[in-house]
């Protein structure tokens, strides 16, 4: 099994195509499902069994991806994949982390990402897919264990902000704040006390001849979170 197969350089893909042709050719020579044969592959003697198969995944059209050569693409049978149900995945994950309003929170999270993708600027480092969903869920689950006294809406609100705010451009932050305020009306963002961390960041910044401005310390907190 090869994941993200078309991230391999085109020159290497051509070599892989020749190797697969050799392997599939040997498999075709098997007379029955119980048959097997030996062949020399890349200087090594290997056994070919009828259960041998190759599976690959690929994301066509992405930056940094290569198009499969025709002789390589012909060796595989394409299978279309559907977009996962982020809401259902989020709901089950929230329940697994001990949230009581898993379905309600999952809808808010999915709606937040959907509105962000529609209203915020298009940037290459913005991600509203499964990776972002998983990161928010894990952050919320961690905060659920650390701050059980907080409401579940506050925990999700903090997770959404902690994961997304550091990567948003300055012009997109007001739009994100409006989305959050609409989806979480009346929910205040919990005030966090970093204790000795702030003074430690300031001391270390001065020791490194850096100015411990409010923005610089804030970015350190975001990285810490």
C-alpha atoms as a PDB file:
ATOM      1  CA  UNK A   1       0.000   0.000   0.000  1.00  0.00           C
ATOM      2  CA  UNK A   2       1.322   3.417  -0.993  1.00  0.00           C
ATOM      3  CA  UNK A   3      -0.240   6.554   0.463  1.00  0.00           C
ATOM      4  CA  UNK A   4       0.003   9.886  -1.412  1.00  0.00           C
ATOM      5  CA  UNK A   5       1.525   7.971  -4.318  1.00  0.00           C
ATOM      6  CA  UNK A   6       1.701  10.912  -6.721  1.00  0.00           C
ATOM      7  CA  UNK A   7       3.964  12.883  -4.377  1.00  0.00           C
ATOM      8  CA  UNK A   8       6.821  10.758  -5.752  1.00  0.00           C
ATOM      9  CA  UNK A   9       8.953  12.481  -8.377  1.00  0.00           C
ATOM     10  CA  UNK A  10       7.998  11.727 -11.962  1.00  0.00           C
ATOM     11  CA  UNK A  11      11.415  10.158 -12.658  1.00  0.00           C
ATOM     12  CA  UNK A  12      10.956   7.695  -9.809  1.00  0.00           C
ATOM     13  CA  UNK A  13       7.395   6.931 -10.904  1.00  0.00           C
ATOM     14  CA  UNK A  14       8.702   5.800 -14.294  1.00  0.00           C
ATOM     15  CA  UNK A  15      11.046   3.338 -12.588  1.00  0.00           C
ATOM     16  CA  UNK A  16       8.220   2.080 -10.371  1.00  0.00           C
ATOM     17  CA  UNK A  17       6.089   1.526 -13.469  1.00  0.00           C
ATOM     18  CA  UNK A  18       8.679  -0.817 -14.954  1.00  0.00           C
ATOM     19  CA  UNK A  19       9.005  -2.712 -11.669  1.00  0.00           C
ATOM     20  CA  UNK A  20       5.250  -3.139 -11.344  1.00  0.00           C
ATOM     21  CA  UNK A  21       5.019  -4.374 -14.919  1.00  0.00           C
ATOM     22  CA  UNK A  22       7.544  -7.057 -14.049  1.00  0.00           C
ATOM     23  CA  UNK A  23       5.631  -8.064 -10.912  1.00  0.00           C
ATOM     24  CA  UNK A  24       2.199  -8.088 -12.540  1.00  0.00           C
ATOM     25  CA  UNK A  25       3.611 -10.011 -15.505  1.00  0.00           C
ATOM     26  CA  UNK A  26       4.869 -12.712 -13.146  1.00  0.00           C
ATOM     27  CA  UNK A  27       1.492 -12.854 -11.426  1.00  0.00           C
ATOM     28  CA  UNK A  28      -0.286 -13.409 -14.762  1.00  0.00           C
ATOM     29  CA  UNK A  29       1.799 -16.530 -15.313  1.00  0.00           C
ATOM     30  CA  UNK A  30       0.302 -18.231 -12.259  1.00  0.00           C
ATOM     31  CA  UNK A  31      -1.971 -21.050 -13.405  1.00  0.00           C
ATOM     32  CA  UNK A  32      -4.269 -21.125 -10.365  1.00  0.00           C
ATOM     33  CA  UNK A  33      -4.964 -19.437  -7.047  1.00  0.00           C
ATOM     34  CA  UNK A  34      -2.903 -22.116  -5.293  1.00  0.00           C
ATOM     35  CA  UNK A  35       0.076 -21.648  -7.579  1.00  0.00           C
ATOM     36  CA  UNK A  36       3.195 -19.589  -6.904  1.00  0.00           C
ATOM     37  CA  UNK A  37       6.483 -18.911  -8.638  1.00  0.00           C
ATOM     38  CA  UNK A  38       9.903 -17.405  -8.022  1.00  0.00           C
ATOM     39  CA  UNK A  39      11.335 -14.458  -9.884  1.00  0.00           C
ATOM     40  CA  UNK A  40      14.385 -12.256  -9.662  1.00  0.00           C
ATOM     41  CA  UNK A  41      13.360  -8.743  -8.669  1.00  0.00           C
ATOM     42  CA  UNK A  42      15.945  -5.989  -8.377  1.00  0.00           C
ATOM     43  CA  UNK A  43      18.709  -8.506  -7.743  1.00  0.00           C
ATOM     44  CA  UNK A  44      16.721 -10.480  -5.165  1.00  0.00           C
ATOM     45  CA  UNK A  45      14.915 -13.783  -5.609  1.00  0.00           C
ATOM     46  CA  UNK A  46      11.332 -13.392  -4.371  1.00  0.00           C
ATOM     47  CA  UNK A  47       8.208 -15.575  -4.347  1.00  0.00           C
ATOM     48  CA  UNK A  48       5.150 -14.392  -6.273  1.00  0.00           C
ATOM     49  CA  UNK A  49       1.853 -15.436  -4.752  1.00  0.00           C
ATOM     50  CA  UNK A  50      -1.637 -14.930  -6.263  1.00  0.00           C
ATOM     51  CA  UNK A  51      -2.604 -12.705  -3.311  1.00  0.00           C
ATOM     52  CA  UNK A  52      -0.075 -10.066  -4.378  1.00  0.00           C
ATOM     53  CA  UNK A  53      -1.680  -6.692  -5.085  1.00  0.00           C
ATOM     54  CA  UNK A  54      -0.729  -3.023  -5.042  1.00  0.00           C
ATOM     55  CA  UNK A  55      -2.986  -0.292  -3.643  1.00  0.00           C
ATOM     56  CA  UNK A  56      -2.304   3.424  -3.878  1.00  0.00           C
ATOM     57  CA  UNK A  57      -3.983   6.650  -2.762  1.00  0.00           C
ATOM     58  CA  UNK A  58      -3.478   9.993  -4.446  1.00  0.00           C
ATOM     59  CA  UNK A  59      -4.853  13.516  -4.485  1.00  0.00           C
ATOM     60  CA  UNK A  60      -4.820  14.790  -8.076  1.00  0.00           C
ATOM     61  CA  UNK A  61      -4.583  18.510  -8.687  1.00  0.00           C
ATOM     62  CA  UNK A  62      -2.709  19.374  -5.483  1.00  0.00           C
ATOM     63  CA  UNK A  63       0.457  21.458  -5.531  1.00  0.00           C
ATOM     64  CA  UNK A  64       3.595  19.338  -5.491  1.00  0.00           C
ATOM     65  CA  UNK A  65       1.800  16.303  -6.932  1.00  0.00           C
ATOM     66  CA  UNK A  66       2.810  14.516 -10.141  1.00  0.00           C
ATOM     67  CA  UNK A  67       0.528  13.131 -12.803  1.00  0.00           C
ATOM     68  CA  UNK A  68       0.876   9.382 -13.140  1.00  0.00           C
ATOM     69  CA  UNK A  69       2.487   8.223 -16.401  1.00  0.00           C
ATOM     70  CA  UNK A  70       0.012   6.493 -18.703  1.00  0.00           C
ATOM     71  CA  UNK A  71       1.785   3.136 -18.476  1.00  0.00           C
ATOM     72  CA  UNK A  72       1.566   3.334 -14.663  1.00  0.00           C
ATOM     73  CA  UNK A  73      -2.032   4.576 -14.476  1.00  0.00           C
ATOM     74  CA  UNK A  74      -3.110   1.689 -16.723  1.00  0.00           C
ATOM     75  CA  UNK A  75      -2.042  -0.786 -14.031  1.00  0.00           C
ATOM     76  CA  UNK A  76      -4.583   0.446 -11.514  1.00  0.00           C
ATOM     77  CA  UNK A  77      -8.361   0.482 -11.306  1.00  0.00           C
ATOM     78  CA  UNK A  78      -9.593   3.885 -10.090  1.00  0.00           C
ATOM     79  CA  UNK A  79     -12.026   4.113  -7.198  1.00  0.00           C
ATOM     80  CA  UNK A  80     -13.777   7.376  -6.349  1.00  0.00           C
ATOM     81  CA  UNK A  81     -13.883   8.468  -2.720  1.00  0.00           C
ATOM     82  CA  UNK A  82     -16.566  10.568  -1.067  1.00  0.00           C
ATOM     83  CA  UNK A  83     -16.032  13.521   1.256  1.00  0.00           C
ATOM     84  CA  UNK A  84     -16.310  12.321   4.873  1.00  0.00           C
ATOM     85  CA  UNK A  85     -19.157  13.518   7.066  1.00  0.00           C
ATOM     86  CA  UNK A  86     -17.245  15.887   9.351  1.00  0.00           C
ATOM     87  CA  UNK A  87     -20.301  16.414  11.519  1.00  0.00           C
ATOM     88  CA  UNK A  88     -20.744  12.709  12.255  1.00  0.00           C
ATOM     89  CA  UNK A  89     -17.023  12.227  12.860  1.00  0.00           C
ATOM     90  CA  UNK A  90     -16.981  15.217  15.198  1.00  0.00           C
ATOM     91  CA  UNK A  91     -20.076  14.052  17.054  1.00  0.00           C
ATOM     92  CA  UNK A  92     -18.659  10.596  17.760  1.00  0.00           C
ATOM     93  CA  UNK A  93     -15.258  12.025  18.723  1.00  0.00           C
ATOM     94  CA  UNK A  94     -16.780  14.557  21.118  1.00  0.00           C
ATOM     95  CA  UNK A  95     -18.812  11.833  22.811  1.00  0.00           C
ATOM     96  CA  UNK A  96     -15.646   9.720  23.069  1.00  0.00           C
ATOM     97  CA  UNK A  97     -13.920  12.577  24.896  1.00  0.00           C
ATOM     98  CA  UNK A  98     -16.780  12.755  27.388  1.00  0.00           C
ATOM     99  CA  UNK A  99     -18.775  15.685  26.013  1.00  0.00           C
ATOM    100  CA  UNK A 100     -22.510  15.482  26.646  1.00  0.00           C
ATOM    101  CA  UNK A 101     -23.600  17.796  23.791  1.00  0.00           C
ATOM    102  CA  UNK A 102     -21.490  16.100  21.127  1.00  0.00           C
ATOM    103  CA  UNK A 103     -23.949  16.530  18.263  1.00  0.00           C
ATOM    104  CA  UNK A 104     -24.615  20.194  19.033  1.00  0.00           C
ATOM    105  CA  UNK A 105     -20.908  20.994  19.335  1.00  0.00           C
ATOM    106  CA  UNK A 106     -20.064  19.114  16.138  1.00  0.00           C
ATOM    107  CA  UNK A 107     -22.592  21.178  14.178  1.00  0.00           C
ATOM    108  CA  UNK A 108     -21.092  24.403  15.524  1.00  0.00           C
ATOM    109  CA  UNK A 109     -17.575  23.296  14.651  1.00  0.00           C
ATOM    110  CA  UNK A 110     -18.474  22.248  11.098  1.00  0.00           C
ATOM    111  CA  UNK A 111     -20.448  25.456  10.543  1.00  0.00           C
ATOM    112  CA  UNK A 112     -17.480  27.505  11.767  1.00  0.00           C
ATOM    113  CA  UNK A 113     -15.145  25.911   9.234  1.00  0.00           C
ATOM    114  CA  UNK A 114     -17.712  26.204   6.462  1.00  0.00           C
ATOM    115  CA  UNK A 115     -18.246  29.925   7.075  1.00  0.00           C
ATOM    116  CA  UNK A 116     -14.499  30.500   7.344  1.00  0.00           C
ATOM    117  CA  UNK A 117     -13.926  28.866   3.964  1.00  0.00           C
ATOM    118  CA  UNK A 118     -16.616  31.080   2.425  1.00  0.00           C
ATOM    119  CA  UNK A 119     -15.878  34.432   4.066  1.00  0.00           C
ATOM    120  CA  UNK A 120     -12.149  34.497   4.819  1.00  0.00           C
ATOM    121  CA  UNK A 121      -9.451  35.137   2.245  1.00  0.00           C
ATOM    122  CA  UNK A 122      -7.953  32.241   0.331  1.00  0.00           C
ATOM    123  CA  UNK A 123      -4.498  31.413   1.684  1.00  0.00           C
ATOM    124  CA  UNK A 124      -2.348  28.382   1.000  1.00  0.00           C
ATOM    125  CA  UNK A 125      -1.790  27.728   4.708  1.00  0.00           C
ATOM    126  CA  UNK A 126      -5.493  27.877   5.638  1.00  0.00           C
ATOM    127  CA  UNK A 127      -6.944  24.420   6.211  1.00  0.00           C
ATOM    128  CA  UNK A 128     -10.590  23.611   6.902  1.00  0.00           C
ATOM    129  CA  UNK A 129     -10.434  19.910   6.143  1.00  0.00           C
ATOM    130  CA  UNK A 130     -10.157  16.751   8.182  1.00  0.00           C
ATOM    131  CA  UNK A 131      -6.787  17.691   9.685  1.00  0.00           C
ATOM    132  CA  UNK A 132      -8.212  20.922  11.101  1.00  0.00           C
ATOM    133  CA  UNK A 133     -11.318  19.148  12.396  1.00  0.00           C
ATOM    134  CA  UNK A 134      -9.206  16.497  14.119  1.00  0.00           C
ATOM    135  CA  UNK A 135      -6.907  19.117  15.650  1.00  0.00           C
ATOM    136  CA  UNK A 136      -9.831  21.087  17.099  1.00  0.00           C
ATOM    137  CA  UNK A 137     -11.447  17.951  18.524  1.00  0.00           C
ATOM    138  CA  UNK A 138      -8.217  16.822  20.184  1.00  0.00           C
ATOM    139  CA  UNK A 139      -7.600  20.309  21.599  1.00  0.00           C
ATOM    140  CA  UNK A 140     -11.155  20.395  22.978  1.00  0.00           C
ATOM    141  CA  UNK A 141     -10.740  16.935  24.488  1.00  0.00           C
ATOM    142  CA  UNK A 142      -7.501  17.985  26.179  1.00  0.00           C
ATOM    143  CA  UNK A 143      -9.138  21.110  27.610  1.00  0.00           C
ATOM    144  CA  UNK A 144     -12.112  19.019  28.762  1.00  0.00           C
ATOM    145  CA  UNK A 145      -9.784  16.995  30.964  1.00  0.00           C
ATOM    146  CA  UNK A 146      -7.796  20.001  32.187  1.00  0.00           C
ATOM    147  CA  UNK A 147     -10.763  22.319  32.860  1.00  0.00           C
ATOM    148  CA  UNK A 148     -13.785  20.146  33.695  1.00  0.00           C
ATOM    149  CA  UNK A 149     -15.482  23.075  35.419  1.00  0.00           C
ATOM    150  CA  UNK A 150     -15.811  25.059  32.180  1.00  0.00           C
ATOM    151  CA  UNK A 151     -18.892  24.757  29.992  1.00  0.00           C
ATOM    152  CA  UNK A 152     -18.576  22.613  26.891  1.00  0.00           C
ATOM    153  CA  UNK A 153     -19.333  25.586  24.644  1.00  0.00           C
ATOM    154  CA  UNK A 154     -16.470  27.532  26.238  1.00  0.00           C
ATOM    155  CA  UNK A 155     -14.123  24.594  25.746  1.00  0.00           C
ATOM    156  CA  UNK A 156     -14.977  24.313  22.048  1.00  0.00           C
ATOM    157  CA  UNK A 157     -14.742  28.089  21.634  1.00  0.00           C
ATOM    158  CA  UNK A 158     -11.239  28.097  23.083  1.00  0.00           C
ATOM    159  CA  UNK A 159     -10.184  25.127  20.930  1.00  0.00           C
ATOM    160  CA  UNK A 160     -11.413  26.829  17.753  1.00  0.00           C
ATOM    161  CA  UNK A 161      -9.557  30.012  18.630  1.00  0.00           C
ATOM    162  CA  UNK A 162      -6.348  28.291  19.746  1.00  0.00           C
ATOM    163  CA  UNK A 163      -6.135  26.250  16.551  1.00  0.00           C
ATOM    164  CA  UNK A 164      -7.166  28.892  14.016  1.00  0.00           C
ATOM    165  CA  UNK A 165      -6.276  32.386  15.265  1.00  0.00           C
ATOM    166  CA  UNK A 166      -2.457  31.958  15.093  1.00  0.00           C
ATOM    167  CA  UNK A 167      -2.561  31.181  11.360  1.00  0.00           C
ATOM    168  CA  UNK A 168      -5.106  33.799  10.262  1.00  0.00           C
ATOM    169  CA  UNK A 169      -3.998  37.044   8.657  1.00  0.00           C
ATOM    170  CA  UNK A 170      -4.755  40.289  10.446  1.00  0.00           C
ATOM    171  CA  UNK A 171      -7.538  41.248   8.009  1.00  0.00           C
ATOM    172  CA  UNK A 172      -9.279  37.904   8.530  1.00  0.00           C
ATOM    173  CA  UNK A 173      -9.318  38.048  12.328  1.00  0.00           C
ATOM    174  CA  UNK A 174     -12.338  40.418  12.593  1.00  0.00           C
ATOM    175  CA  UNK A 175     -14.286  38.176  10.212  1.00  0.00           C
ATOM    176  CA  UNK A 176     -13.430  35.128  12.293  1.00  0.00           C
ATOM    177  CA  UNK A 177     -14.448  36.932  15.489  1.00  0.00           C
ATOM    178  CA  UNK A 178     -17.819  37.799  13.917  1.00  0.00           C
ATOM    179  CA  UNK A 179     -18.367  34.156  12.940  1.00  0.00           C
ATOM    180  CA  UNK A 180     -17.504  32.990  16.447  1.00  0.00           C
ATOM    181  CA  UNK A 181     -19.751  35.596  18.111  1.00  0.00           C
ATOM    182  CA  UNK A 182     -22.682  34.583  15.884  1.00  0.00           C
ATOM    183  CA  UNK A 183     -22.274  30.852  16.560  1.00  0.00           C
ATOM    184  CA  UNK A 184     -21.511  31.233  20.262  1.00  0.00           C
ATOM    185  CA  UNK A 185     -23.807  34.062  21.416  1.00  0.00           C
ATOM    186  CA  UNK A 186     -23.342  35.011  25.032  1.00  0.00           C
ATOM    187  CA  UNK A 187     -20.378  32.663  25.479  1.00  0.00           C
ATOM    188  CA  UNK A 188     -17.371  34.480  26.876  1.00  0.00           C
ATOM    189  CA  UNK A 189     -13.890  33.321  26.055  1.00  0.00           C
ATOM    190  CA  UNK A 190     -12.330  31.991  29.273  1.00  0.00           C
ATOM    191  CA  UNK A 191      -9.554  34.160  30.669  1.00  0.00           C
ATOM    192  CA  UNK A 192      -6.416  32.075  31.030  1.00  0.00           C
ATOM    193  CA  UNK A 193      -3.853  32.611  33.746  1.00  0.00           C
ATOM    194  CA  UNK A 194      -0.448  31.527  32.482  1.00  0.00           C
ATOM    195  CA  UNK A 195       1.105  32.205  35.888  1.00  0.00           C
ATOM    196  CA  UNK A 196       4.893  32.198  35.877  1.00  0.00           C
ATOM    197  CA  UNK A 197       5.005  31.454  32.151  1.00  0.00           C
ATOM    198  CA  UNK A 198       4.568  35.116  31.220  1.00  0.00           C
ATOM    199  CA  UNK A 199       7.401  36.336  33.423  1.00  0.00           C
ATOM    200  CA  UNK A 200       9.594  33.469  32.230  1.00  0.00           C
ATOM    201  CA  UNK A 201       8.917  34.364  28.576  1.00  0.00           C
ATOM    202  CA  UNK A 202       9.755  37.997  29.246  1.00  0.00           C
ATOM    203  CA  UNK A 203      13.005  37.122  31.057  1.00  0.00           C
ATOM    204  CA  UNK A 204      14.123  34.694  28.363  1.00  0.00           C
ATOM    205  CA  UNK A 205      13.289  37.208  25.636  1.00  0.00           C
ATOM    206  CA  UNK A 206      15.433  39.876  27.262  1.00  0.00           C
ATOM    207  CA  UNK A 207      18.235  37.364  27.781  1.00  0.00           C
ATOM    208  CA  UNK A 208      18.127  36.637  24.043  1.00  0.00           C
ATOM    209  CA  UNK A 209      18.205  40.401  23.321  1.00  0.00           C
ATOM    210  CA  UNK A 210      14.608  40.356  22.070  1.00  0.00           C
ATOM    211  CA  UNK A 211      11.953  42.892  22.958  1.00  0.00           C
ATOM    212  CA  UNK A 212       9.200  41.217  25.042  1.00  0.00           C
ATOM    213  CA  UNK A 213       6.363  43.176  23.475  1.00  0.00           C
ATOM    214  CA  UNK A 214       2.768  42.215  24.150  1.00  0.00           C
ATOM    215  CA  UNK A 215       2.380  40.804  20.630  1.00  0.00           C
ATOM    216  CA  UNK A 216       5.594  38.769  20.902  1.00  0.00           C
ATOM    217  CA  UNK A 217       4.573  37.258  24.240  1.00  0.00           C
ATOM    218  CA  UNK A 218       1.096  36.561  22.866  1.00  0.00           C
ATOM    219  CA  UNK A 219       2.586  34.563  20.007  1.00  0.00           C
ATOM    220  CA  UNK A 220       4.592  32.518  22.490  1.00  0.00           C
ATOM    221  CA  UNK A 221       1.377  31.724  24.379  1.00  0.00           C
ATOM    222  CA  UNK A 222      -0.304  30.680  21.124  1.00  0.00           C
ATOM    223  CA  UNK A 223       2.591  28.347  20.372  1.00  0.00           C
ATOM    224  CA  UNK A 224       2.386  26.979  23.908  1.00  0.00           C
ATOM    225  CA  UNK A 225      -1.350  26.328  23.602  1.00  0.00           C
END
